[in-house]
mmCIF file of all heavy atoms, coordinates in Angstrom:
data_MODEL
# 
_entry.id   MODEL 
# 
loop_
_atom_site.group_PDB 
_atom_site.id 
_atom_site.type_symbol 
_atom_site.label_atom_id 
_atom_site.label_alt_id 
_atom_site.label_comp_id 
_atom_site.label_asym_id 
_atom_site.label_entity_id 
_atom_site.label_seq_id 
_atom_site.pdbx_PDB_ins_code 
_atom_site.Cartn_x 
_atom_site.Cartn_y 
_atom_site.Cartn_z 
_atom_site.occupancy 
_atom_site.B_iso_or_equiv 
_atom_site.pdbx_formal_charge 
_atom_site.auth_seq_id 
_atom_site.auth_comp_id 
_atom_site.auth_asym_id 
_atom_site.auth_atom_id 
_atom_site.pdbx_PDB_model_num 
ATOM 1   N N   . GLU A 1 1  ? 0.835  -1.206  0.001  1.00 0.00 ? 1  GLU A N   1 
ATOM 2   C CA  . GLU A 1 1  ? 0.000  -0.012  0.000  1.00 0.00 ? 1  GLU A CA  1 
ATOM 3   C C   . GLU A 1 1  ? 0.856  1.266   -0.003 1.00 0.00 ? 1  GLU A C   1 
ATOM 4   O O   . GLU A 1 1  ? 0.582  2.206   -0.745 1.00 0.00 ? 1  GLU A O   1 
ATOM 5   C CB  . GLU A 1 1  ? -0.931 0.016   1.201  1.00 0.00 ? 1  GLU A CB  1 
ATOM 6   C CG  . GLU A 1 1  ? -1.925 1.174   1.218  1.00 0.00 ? 1  GLU A CG  1 
ATOM 7   C CD  . GLU A 1 1  ? -2.905 1.097   2.344  1.00 0.00 ? 1  GLU A CD  1 
ATOM 8   O OE1 . GLU A 1 1  ? -2.987 0.017   3.013  1.00 0.00 ? 1  GLU A OE1 1 
ATOM 9   O OE2 . GLU A 1 1  ? -3.615 2.078   2.568  1.00 0.00 ? 1  GLU A OE2 1 
ATOM 10  N N   . LYS A 1 2  ? 1.920  1.265   0.830  1.00 0.00 ? 2  LYS A N   1 
ATOM 11  C CA  . LYS A 1 2  ? 2.778  2.436   0.913  1.00 0.00 ? 2  LYS A CA  1 
ATOM 12  C C   . LYS A 1 2  ? 3.936  2.359   -0.079 1.00 0.00 ? 2  LYS A C   1 
ATOM 13  O O   . LYS A 1 2  ? 4.682  3.341   -0.234 1.00 0.00 ? 2  LYS A O   1 
ATOM 14  C CB  . LYS A 1 2  ? 3.343  2.544   2.338  1.00 0.00 ? 2  LYS A CB  1 
ATOM 15  C CG  . LYS A 1 2  ? 2.296  2.811   3.391  1.00 0.00 ? 2  LYS A CG  1 
ATOM 16  C CD  . LYS A 1 2  ? 2.936  2.929   4.782  1.00 0.00 ? 2  LYS A CD  1 
ATOM 17  C CE  . LYS A 1 2  ? 1.880  3.206   5.850  1.00 0.00 ? 2  LYS A CE  1 
ATOM 18  N NZ  . LYS A 1 2  ? 2.497  3.333   7.183  1.00 0.00 ? 2  LYS A NZ  1 
ATOM 19  N N   . VAL A 1 3  ? 4.087  1.238   -0.766 1.00 0.00 ? 3  VAL A N   1 
ATOM 20  C CA  . VAL A 1 3  ? 5.167  1.010   -1.745 1.00 0.00 ? 3  VAL A CA  1 
ATOM 21  C C   . VAL A 1 3  ? 6.523  1.227   -1.020 1.00 0.00 ? 3  VAL A C   1 
ATOM 22  O O   . VAL A 1 3  ? 7.324  2.067   -1.444 1.00 0.00 ? 3  VAL A O   1 
ATOM 23  C CB  . VAL A 1 3  ? 5.024  1.939   -2.977 1.00 0.00 ? 3  VAL A CB  1 
ATOM 24  C CG1 . VAL A 1 3  ? 5.910  1.419   -4.128 1.00 0.00 ? 3  VAL A CG1 1 
ATOM 25  C CG2 . VAL A 1 3  ? 3.590  2.014   -3.457 1.00 0.00 ? 3  VAL A CG2 1 
ATOM 26  N N   . GLN A 1 4  ? 6.720  0.481   0.026  1.00 0.00 ? 4  GLN A N   1 
ATOM 27  C CA  . GLN A 1 4  ? 7.949  0.582   0.806  1.00 0.00 ? 4  GLN A CA  1 
ATOM 28  C C   . GLN A 1 4  ? 8.553  -0.807  1.037  1.00 0.00 ? 4  GLN A C   1 
ATOM 29  O O   . GLN A 1 4  ? 7.813  -1.787  1.187  1.00 0.00 ? 4  GLN A O   1 
ATOM 30  C CB  . GLN A 1 4  ? 7.665  1.237   2.168  1.00 0.00 ? 4  GLN A CB  1 
ATOM 31  C CG  . GLN A 1 4  ? 7.246  2.698   2.054  1.00 0.00 ? 4  GLN A CG  1 
ATOM 32  C CD  . GLN A 1 4  ? 6.930  3.311   3.422  1.00 0.00 ? 4  GLN A CD  1 
ATOM 33  O OE1 . GLN A 1 4  ? 6.801  2.602   4.399  1.00 0.00 ? 4  GLN A OE1 1 
ATOM 34  N NE2 . GLN A 1 4  ? 6.824  4.632   3.471  1.00 0.00 ? 4  GLN A NE2 1 
ATOM 35  N N   . VAL A 1 5  ? 9.873  -0.859  1.065  1.00 0.00 ? 5  VAL A N   1 
ATOM 36  C CA  . VAL A 1 5  ? 10.596 -2.108  1.358  1.00 0.00 ? 5  VAL A CA  1 
ATOM 37  C C   . VAL A 1 5  ? 11.439 -1.856  2.589  1.00 0.00 ? 5  VAL A C   1 
ATOM 38  O O   . VAL A 1 5  ? 12.211 -0.889  2.651  1.00 0.00 ? 5  VAL A O   1 
ATOM 39  C CB  . VAL A 1 5  ? 11.475 -2.539  0.188  1.00 0.00 ? 5  VAL A CB  1 
ATOM 40  C CG1 . VAL A 1 5  ? 12.258 -3.807  0.534  1.00 0.00 ? 5  VAL A CG1 1 
ATOM 41  C CG2 . VAL A 1 5  ? 10.625 -2.761  -1.074 1.00 0.00 ? 5  VAL A CG2 1 
ATOM 42  N N   . SER A 1 6  ? 11.313 -2.718  3.598  1.00 0.00 ? 6  SER A N   1 
ATOM 43  C CA  . SER A 1 6  ? 12.023 -2.547  4.844  1.00 0.00 ? 6  SER A CA  1 
ATOM 44  C C   . SER A 1 6  ? 12.954 -3.703  5.147  1.00 0.00 ? 6  SER A C   1 
ATOM 45  O O   . SER A 1 6  ? 12.603 -4.871  4.920  1.00 0.00 ? 6  SER A O   1 
ATOM 46  C CB  . SER A 1 6  ? 11.015 -2.396  6.002  1.00 0.00 ? 6  SER A CB  1 
ATOM 47  O OG  . SER A 1 6  ? 11.661 -2.442  7.268  1.00 0.00 ? 6  SER A OG  1 
ATOM 48  N N   . ALA A 1 7  ? 14.123 -3.367  5.690  1.00 0.00 ? 7  ALA A N   1 
ATOM 49  C CA  . ALA A 1 7  ? 15.108 -4.412  6.079  1.00 0.00 ? 7  ALA A CA  1 
ATOM 50  C C   . ALA A 1 7  ? 15.099 -4.643  7.579  1.00 0.00 ? 7  ALA A C   1 
ATOM 51  O O   . ALA A 1 7  ? 15.972 -5.347  8.130  1.00 0.00 ? 7  ALA A O   1 
ATOM 52  C CB  . ALA A 1 7  ? 16.493 -3.971  5.621  1.00 0.00 ? 7  ALA A CB  1 
ATOM 53  N N   . ALA A 1 8  ? 14.135 -4.125  8.291  1.00 0.00 ? 8  ALA A N   1 
ATOM 54  C CA  . ALA A 1 8  ? 14.132 -4.138  9.748  1.00 0.00 ? 8  ALA A CA  1 
ATOM 55  C C   . ALA A 1 8  ? 14.245 -5.548  10.311 1.00 0.00 ? 8  ALA A C   1 
ATOM 56  O O   . ALA A 1 8  ? 15.051 -5.818  11.219 1.00 0.00 ? 8  ALA A O   1 
ATOM 57  C CB  . ALA A 1 8  ? 12.868 -3.454  10.274 1.00 0.00 ? 8  ALA A CB  1 
ATOM 58  N N   . LYS A 1 9  ? 13.430 -6.502  9.793  1.00 0.00 ? 9  LYS A N   1 
ATOM 59  C CA  . LYS A 1 9  ? 13.461 -7.856  10.329 1.00 0.00 ? 9  LYS A CA  1 
ATOM 60  C C   . LYS A 1 9  ? 14.808 -8.551  10.034 1.00 0.00 ? 9  LYS A C   1 
ATOM 61  O O   . LYS A 1 9  ? 15.302 -9.327  10.873 1.00 0.00 ? 9  LYS A O   1 
ATOM 62  C CB  . LYS A 1 9  ? 12.318 -8.660  9.748  1.00 0.00 ? 9  LYS A CB  1 
ATOM 63  C CG  . LYS A 1 9  ? 10.957 -8.306  10.342 1.00 0.00 ? 9  LYS A CG  1 
ATOM 64  C CD  . LYS A 1 9  ? 9.873  -9.240  9.874  1.00 0.00 ? 9  LYS A CD  1 
ATOM 65  C CE  . LYS A 1 9  ? 8.526  -8.926  10.552 1.00 0.00 ? 9  LYS A CE  1 
ATOM 66  N NZ  . LYS A 1 9  ? 7.452  -9.878  10.125 1.00 0.00 ? 9  LYS A NZ  1 
ATOM 67  N N   . ARG A 1 10 ? 15.341 -8.327  8.873  1.00 0.00 ? 10 ARG A N   1 
ATOM 68  C CA  . ARG A 1 10 ? 16.651 -8.932  8.547  1.00 0.00 ? 10 ARG A CA  1 
ATOM 69  C C   . ARG A 1 10 ? 17.751 -8.374  9.438  1.00 0.00 ? 10 ARG A C   1 
ATOM 70  O O   . ARG A 1 10 ? 18.599 -9.118  9.927  1.00 0.00 ? 10 ARG A O   1 
ATOM 71  C CB  . ARG A 1 10 ? 16.980 -8.691  7.053  1.00 0.00 ? 10 ARG A CB  1 
ATOM 72  C CG  . ARG A 1 10 ? 16.143 -9.514  6.110  1.00 0.00 ? 10 ARG A CG  1 
ATOM 73  C CD  . ARG A 1 10 ? 16.475 -9.184  4.661  1.00 0.00 ? 10 ARG A CD  1 
ATOM 74  N NE  . ARG A 1 10 ? 17.799 -9.605  4.261  1.00 0.00 ? 10 ARG A NE  1 
ATOM 75  C CZ  . ARG A 1 10 ? 18.097 -10.809 3.765  1.00 0.00 ? 10 ARG A CZ  1 
ATOM 76  N NH1 . ARG A 1 10 ? 17.142 -11.724 3.616  1.00 0.00 ? 10 ARG A NH1 1 
ATOM 77  N NH2 . ARG A 1 10 ? 19.339 -11.110 3.396  1.00 0.00 ? 10 ARG A NH2 1 
ATOM 78  N N   . ILE A 1 11 ? 17.707 -7.064  9.673  1.00 0.00 ? 11 ILE A N   1 
ATOM 79  C CA  . ILE A 1 11 ? 18.724 -6.451  10.529 1.00 0.00 ? 11 ILE A CA  1 
ATOM 80  C C   . ILE A 1 11 ? 18.579 -6.970  11.969 1.00 0.00 ? 11 ILE A C   1 
ATOM 81  O O   . ILE A 1 11 ? 19.575 -7.265  12.645 1.00 0.00 ? 11 ILE A O   1 
ATOM 82  C CB  . ILE A 1 11 ? 18.589 -4.898  10.487 1.00 0.00 ? 11 ILE A CB  1 
ATOM 83  C CG1 . ILE A 1 11 ? 18.971 -4.387  9.088  1.00 0.00 ? 11 ILE A CG1 1 
ATOM 84  C CG2 . ILE A 1 11 ? 19.458 -4.266  11.555 1.00 0.00 ? 11 ILE A CG2 1 
ATOM 85  C CD1 . ILE A 1 11 ? 18.687 -2.932  8.883  1.00 0.00 ? 11 ILE A CD1 1 
ATOM 86  N N   . ALA A 1 12 ? 17.342 -7.124  12.415 1.00 0.00 ? 12 ALA A N   1 
ATOM 87  C CA  . ALA A 1 12 ? 17.106 -7.675  13.774 1.00 0.00 ? 12 ALA A CA  1 
ATOM 88  C C   . ALA A 1 12 ? 17.656 -9.083  13.858 1.00 0.00 ? 12 ALA A C   1 
ATOM 89  O O   . ALA A 1 12 ? 18.231 -9.516  14.894 1.00 0.00 ? 12 ALA A O   1 
ATOM 90  C CB  . ALA A 1 12 ? 15.627 -7.632  14.097 1.00 0.00 ? 12 ALA A CB  1 
ATOM 91  N N   . TRP A 1 13 ? 17.489 -9.851  12.771 1.00 0.00 ? 13 TRP A N   1 
ATOM 92  C CA  . TRP A 1 13 ? 18.002 -11.262 12.772 1.00 0.00 ? 13 TRP A CA  1 
ATOM 93  C C   . TRP A 1 13 ? 19.517 -11.256 12.870 1.00 0.00 ? 13 TRP A C   1 
ATOM 94  O O   . TRP A 1 13 ? 20.102 -12.042 13.648 1.00 0.00 ? 13 TRP A O   1 
ATOM 95  C CB  . TRP A 1 13 ? 17.548 -11.955 11.487 1.00 0.00 ? 13 TRP A CB  1 
ATOM 96  C CG  . TRP A 1 13 ? 18.007 -13.403 11.427 1.00 0.00 ? 13 TRP A CG  1 
ATOM 97  C CD1 . TRP A 1 13 ? 17.342 -14.473 11.927 1.00 0.00 ? 13 TRP A CD1 1 
ATOM 98  C CD2 . TRP A 1 13 ? 19.216 -13.878 10.840 1.00 0.00 ? 13 TRP A CD2 1 
ATOM 99  N NE1 . TRP A 1 13 ? 18.070 -15.630 11.731 1.00 0.00 ? 13 TRP A NE1 1 
ATOM 100 C CE2 . TRP A 1 13 ? 19.242 -15.287 11.047 1.00 0.00 ? 13 TRP A CE2 1 
ATOM 101 C CE3 . TRP A 1 13 ? 20.276 -13.278 10.181 1.00 0.00 ? 13 TRP A CE3 1 
ATOM 102 C CZ2 . TRP A 1 13 ? 20.277 -16.089 10.593 1.00 0.00 ? 13 TRP A CZ2 1 
ATOM 103 C CZ3 . TRP A 1 13 ? 21.317 -14.098 9.745  1.00 0.00 ? 13 TRP A CZ3 1 
ATOM 104 C CH2 . TRP A 1 13 ? 21.298 -15.472 9.952  1.00 0.00 ? 13 TRP A CH2 1 
ATOM 105 N N   . TRP A 1 14 ? 20.176 -10.364 12.090 1.00 0.00 ? 14 TRP A N   1 
ATOM 106 C CA  . TRP A 1 14 ? 21.623 -10.302 12.176 1.00 0.00 ? 14 TRP A CA  1 
ATOM 107 C C   . TRP A 1 14 ? 22.083 -9.940  13.564 1.00 0.00 ? 14 TRP A C   1 
ATOM 108 O O   . TRP A 1 14 ? 23.145 -10.339 14.049 1.00 0.00 ? 14 TRP A O   1 
ATOM 109 C CB  . TRP A 1 14 ? 22.169 -9.286  11.163 1.00 0.00 ? 14 TRP A CB  1 
ATOM 110 C CG  . TRP A 1 14 ? 22.170 -9.748  9.747  1.00 0.00 ? 14 TRP A CG  1 
ATOM 111 C CD1 . TRP A 1 14 ? 21.420 -9.291  8.716  1.00 0.00 ? 14 TRP A CD1 1 
ATOM 112 C CD2 . TRP A 1 14 ? 22.959 -10.828 9.220  1.00 0.00 ? 14 TRP A CD2 1 
ATOM 113 N NE1 . TRP A 1 14 ? 21.674 -9.974  7.549  1.00 0.00 ? 14 TRP A NE1 1 
ATOM 114 C CE2 . TRP A 1 14 ? 22.647 -10.921 7.835  1.00 0.00 ? 14 TRP A CE2 1 
ATOM 115 C CE3 . TRP A 1 14 ? 23.928 -11.692 9.759  1.00 0.00 ? 14 TRP A CE3 1 
ATOM 116 C CZ2 . TRP A 1 14 ? 23.220 -11.855 7.005  1.00 0.00 ? 14 TRP A CZ2 1 
ATOM 117 C CZ3 . TRP A 1 14 ? 24.518 -12.630 8.915  1.00 0.00 ? 14 TRP A CZ3 1 
ATOM 118 C CH2 . TRP A 1 14 ? 24.174 -12.703 7.550  1.00 0.00 ? 14 TRP A CH2 1 
ATOM 119 N N   . GLY A 1 15 ? 21.256 -9.193  14.283 1.00 0.00 ? 15 GLY A N   1 
ATOM 120 C CA  . GLY A 1 15 ? 21.588 -8.812  15.655 1.00 0.00 ? 15 GLY A CA  1 
ATOM 121 C C   . GLY A 1 15 ? 21.626 -9.993  16.616 1.00 0.00 ? 15 GLY A C   1 
ATOM 122 O O   . GLY A 1 15 ? 22.166 -9.873  17.738 1.00 0.00 ? 15 GLY A O   1 
ATOM 123 N N   . THR A 1 16 ? 21.069 -11.120 16.216 1.00 0.00 ? 16 THR A N   1 
ATOM 124 C CA  . THR A 1 16 ? 21.064 -12.318 17.072 1.00 0.00 ? 16 THR A CA  1 
ATOM 125 C C   . THR A 1 16 ? 22.225 -13.258 16.731 1.00 0.00 ? 16 THR A C   1 
ATOM 126 O O   . THR A 1 16 ? 22.320 -14.350 17.326 1.00 0.00 ? 16 THR A O   1 
ATOM 127 C CB  . THR A 1 16 ? 19.731 -13.099 16.930 1.00 0.00 ? 16 THR A CB  1 
ATOM 128 O OG1 . THR A 1 16 ? 19.623 -13.600 15.586 1.00 0.00 ? 16 THR A OG1 1 
ATOM 129 C CG2 . THR A 1 16 ? 18.556 -12.189 17.240 1.00 0.00 ? 16 THR A CG2 1 
ATOM 130 N N   . GLN A 1 17 ? 23.056 -12.874 15.785 1.00 0.00 ? 17 GLN A N   1 
ATOM 131 C CA  . GLN A 1 17 ? 24.089 -13.800 15.276 1.00 0.00 ? 17 GLN A CA  1 
ATOM 132 C C   . GLN A 1 17 ? 25.466 -13.581 15.923 1.00 0.00 ? 17 GLN A C   1 
ATOM 133 O O   . GLN A 1 17 ? 26.468 -14.115 15.407 1.00 0.00 ? 17 GLN A O   1 
ATOM 134 C CB  . GLN A 1 17 ? 24.182 -13.666 13.769 1.00 0.00 ? 17 GLN A CB  1 
ATOM 135 C CG  . GLN A 1 17 ? 22.879 -13.956 13.033 1.00 0.00 ? 17 GLN A CG  1 
ATOM 136 C CD  . GLN A 1 17 ? 22.310 -15.310 13.383 1.00 0.00 ? 17 GLN A CD  1 
ATOM 137 O OE1 . GLN A 1 17 ? 22.972 -16.364 13.192 1.00 0.00 ? 17 GLN A OE1 1 
ATOM 138 N NE2 . GLN A 1 17 ? 21.106 -15.312 13.957 1.00 0.00 ? 17 GLN A NE2 1 
ATOM 139 N N   . HIS A 1 18 ? 25.489 -12.872 17.034 1.00 0.00 ? 18 HIS A N   1 
ATOM 140 C CA  . HIS A 1 18 ? 26.735 -12.672 17.787 1.00 0.00 ? 18 HIS A CA  1 
ATOM 141 C C   . HIS A 1 18 ? 27.850 -12.067 16.949 1.00 0.00 ? 18 HIS A C   1 
ATOM 142 O O   . HIS A 1 18 ? 29.008 -12.544 16.972 1.00 0.00 ? 18 HIS A O   1 
ATOM 143 C CB  . HIS A 1 18 ? 27.203 -14.026 18.401 1.00 0.00 ? 18 HIS A CB  1 
ATOM 144 C CG  . HIS A 1 18 ? 26.120 -14.721 19.151 1.00 0.00 ? 18 HIS A CG  1 
ATOM 145 N ND1 . HIS A 1 18 ? 25.553 -14.225 20.321 1.00 0.00 ? 18 HIS A ND1 1 
ATOM 146 C CD2 . HIS A 1 18 ? 25.452 -15.890 18.905 1.00 0.00 ? 18 HIS A CD2 1 
ATOM 147 C CE1 . HIS A 1 18 ? 24.620 -15.031 20.753 1.00 0.00 ? 18 HIS A CE1 1 
ATOM 148 N NE2 . HIS A 1 18 ? 24.540 -16.070 19.930 1.00 0.00 ? 18 HIS A NE2 1 
ATOM 149 N N   . LEU A 1 19 ? 27.512 -11.079 16.147 1.00 0.00 ? 19 LEU A N   1 
ATOM 150 C CA  . LEU A 1 19 ? 28.518 -10.421 15.319 1.00 0.00 ? 19 LEU A CA  1 
ATOM 151 C C   . LEU A 1 19 ? 29.179 -9.305  16.133 1.00 0.00 ? 19 LEU A C   1 
ATOM 152 O O   . LEU A 1 19 ? 28.622 -8.780  17.087 1.00 0.00 ? 19 LEU A O   1 
ATOM 153 C CB  . LEU A 1 19 ? 27.887 -9.794  14.059 1.00 0.00 ? 19 LEU A CB  1 
ATOM 154 C CG  . LEU A 1 19 ? 27.136 -10.755 13.117 1.00 0.00 ? 19 LEU A CG  1 
ATOM 155 C CD1 . LEU A 1 19 ? 26.506 -9.972  11.976 1.00 0.00 ? 19 LEU A CD1 1 
ATOM 156 C CD2 . LEU A 1 19 ? 28.084 -11.822 12.599 1.00 0.00 ? 19 LEU A CD2 1 
ATOM 157 N N   . SER A 1 20 ? 30.375 -8.949  15.718 1.00 0.00 ? 20 SER A N   1 
ATOM 158 C CA  . SER A 1 20 ? 31.025 -7.793  16.304 1.00 0.00 ? 20 SER A CA  1 
ATOM 159 C C   . SER A 1 20 ? 30.254 -6.554  15.890 1.00 0.00 ? 20 SER A C   1 
ATOM 160 O O   . SER A 1 20 ? 29.490 -6.566  14.908 1.00 0.00 ? 20 SER A O   1 
ATOM 161 C CB  . SER A 1 20 ? 32.474 -7.676  15.844 1.00 0.00 ? 20 SER A CB  1 
ATOM 162 O OG  . SER A 1 20 ? 32.502 -7.370  14.451 1.00 0.00 ? 20 SER A OG  1 
ATOM 163 N N   . GLN A 1 21 ? 30.408 -5.474  16.617 1.00 0.00 ? 21 GLN A N   1 
ATOM 164 C CA  . GLN A 1 21 ? 29.656 -4.260  16.307 1.00 0.00 ? 21 GLN A CA  1 
ATOM 165 C C   . GLN A 1 21 ? 29.999 -3.768  14.919 1.00 0.00 ? 21 GLN A C   1 
ATOM 166 O O   . GLN A 1 21 ? 29.131 -3.289  14.173 1.00 0.00 ? 21 GLN A O   1 
ATOM 167 C CB  . GLN A 1 21 ? 29.955 -3.154  17.337 1.00 0.00 ? 21 GLN A CB  1 
ATOM 168 C CG  . GLN A 1 21 ? 29.071 -1.931  17.180 1.00 0.00 ? 21 GLN A CG  1 
ATOM 169 C CD  . GLN A 1 21 ? 27.584 -2.246  17.339 1.00 0.00 ? 21 GLN A CD  1 
ATOM 170 O OE1 . GLN A 1 21 ? 27.177 -2.919  18.275 1.00 0.00 ? 21 GLN A OE1 1 
ATOM 171 N NE2 . GLN A 1 21 ? 26.768 -1.782  16.368 1.00 0.00 ? 21 GLN A NE2 1 
ATOM 172 N N   . ALA A 1 22 ? 31.257 -3.911  14.548 1.00 0.00 ? 22 ALA A N   1 
ATOM 173 C CA  . ALA A 1 22 ? 31.703 -3.475  13.222 1.00 0.00 ? 22 ALA A CA  1 
ATOM 174 C C   . ALA A 1 22 ? 31.010 -4.287  12.124 1.00 0.00 ? 22 ALA A C   1 
ATOM 175 O O   . ALA A 1 22 ? 30.526 -3.727  11.129 1.00 0.00 ? 22 ALA A O   1 
ATOM 176 C CB  . ALA A 1 22 ? 33.212 -3.573  13.102 1.00 0.00 ? 22 ALA A CB  1 
ATOM 177 N N   . ASP A 1 23 ? 30.943 -5.635  12.353 1.00 0.00 ? 23 ASP A N   1 
ATOM 178 C CA  . ASP A 1 23 ? 30.291 -6.470  11.338 1.00 0.00 ? 23 ASP A CA  1 
ATOM 179 C C   . ASP A 1 23 ? 28.777 -6.224  11.297 1.00 0.00 ? 23 ASP A C   1 
ATOM 180 O O   . ASP A 1 23 ? 28.170 -6.258  10.233 1.00 0.00 ? 23 ASP A O   1 
ATOM 181 C CB  . ASP A 1 23 ? 30.567 -7.967  11.638 1.00 0.00 ? 23 ASP A CB  1 
ATOM 182 C CG  . ASP A 1 23 ? 31.994 -8.345  11.315 1.00 0.00 ? 23 ASP A CG  1 
ATOM 183 O OD1 . ASP A 1 23 ? 32.633 -7.576  10.540 1.00 0.00 ? 23 ASP A OD1 1 
ATOM 184 O OD2 . ASP A 1 23 ? 32.466 -9.372  11.823 1.00 0.00 ? 23 ASP A OD2 1 
ATOM 185 N N   . LEU A 1 24 ? 28.162 -5.992  12.457 1.00 0.00 ? 24 LEU A N   1 
ATOM 186 C CA  . LEU A 1 24 ? 26.727 -5.732  12.498 1.00 0.00 ? 24 LEU A CA  1 
ATOM 187 C C   . LEU A 1 24 ? 26.412 -4.402  11.804 1.00 0.00 ? 24 LEU A C   1 
ATOM 188 O O   . LEU A 1 24 ? 25.424 -4.315  11.039 1.00 0.00 ? 24 LEU A O   1 
ATOM 189 C CB  . LEU A 1 24 ? 26.250 -5.670  13.952 1.00 0.00 ? 24 LEU A CB  1 
ATOM 190 C CG  . LEU A 1 24 ? 24.744 -5.398  14.146 1.00 0.00 ? 24 LEU A CG  1 
ATOM 191 C CD1 . LEU A 1 24 ? 23.921 -6.461  13.433 1.00 0.00 ? 24 LEU A CD1 1 
ATOM 192 C CD2 . LEU A 1 24 ? 24.419 -5.350  15.623 1.00 0.00 ? 24 LEU A CD2 1 
# 
């Protein structure tokens, strides 16, 4: 409806992968 694409869920998933802050 708004014609928008969001990466929020993917970014949140990467936040659970124990990456360094630089890699995140």
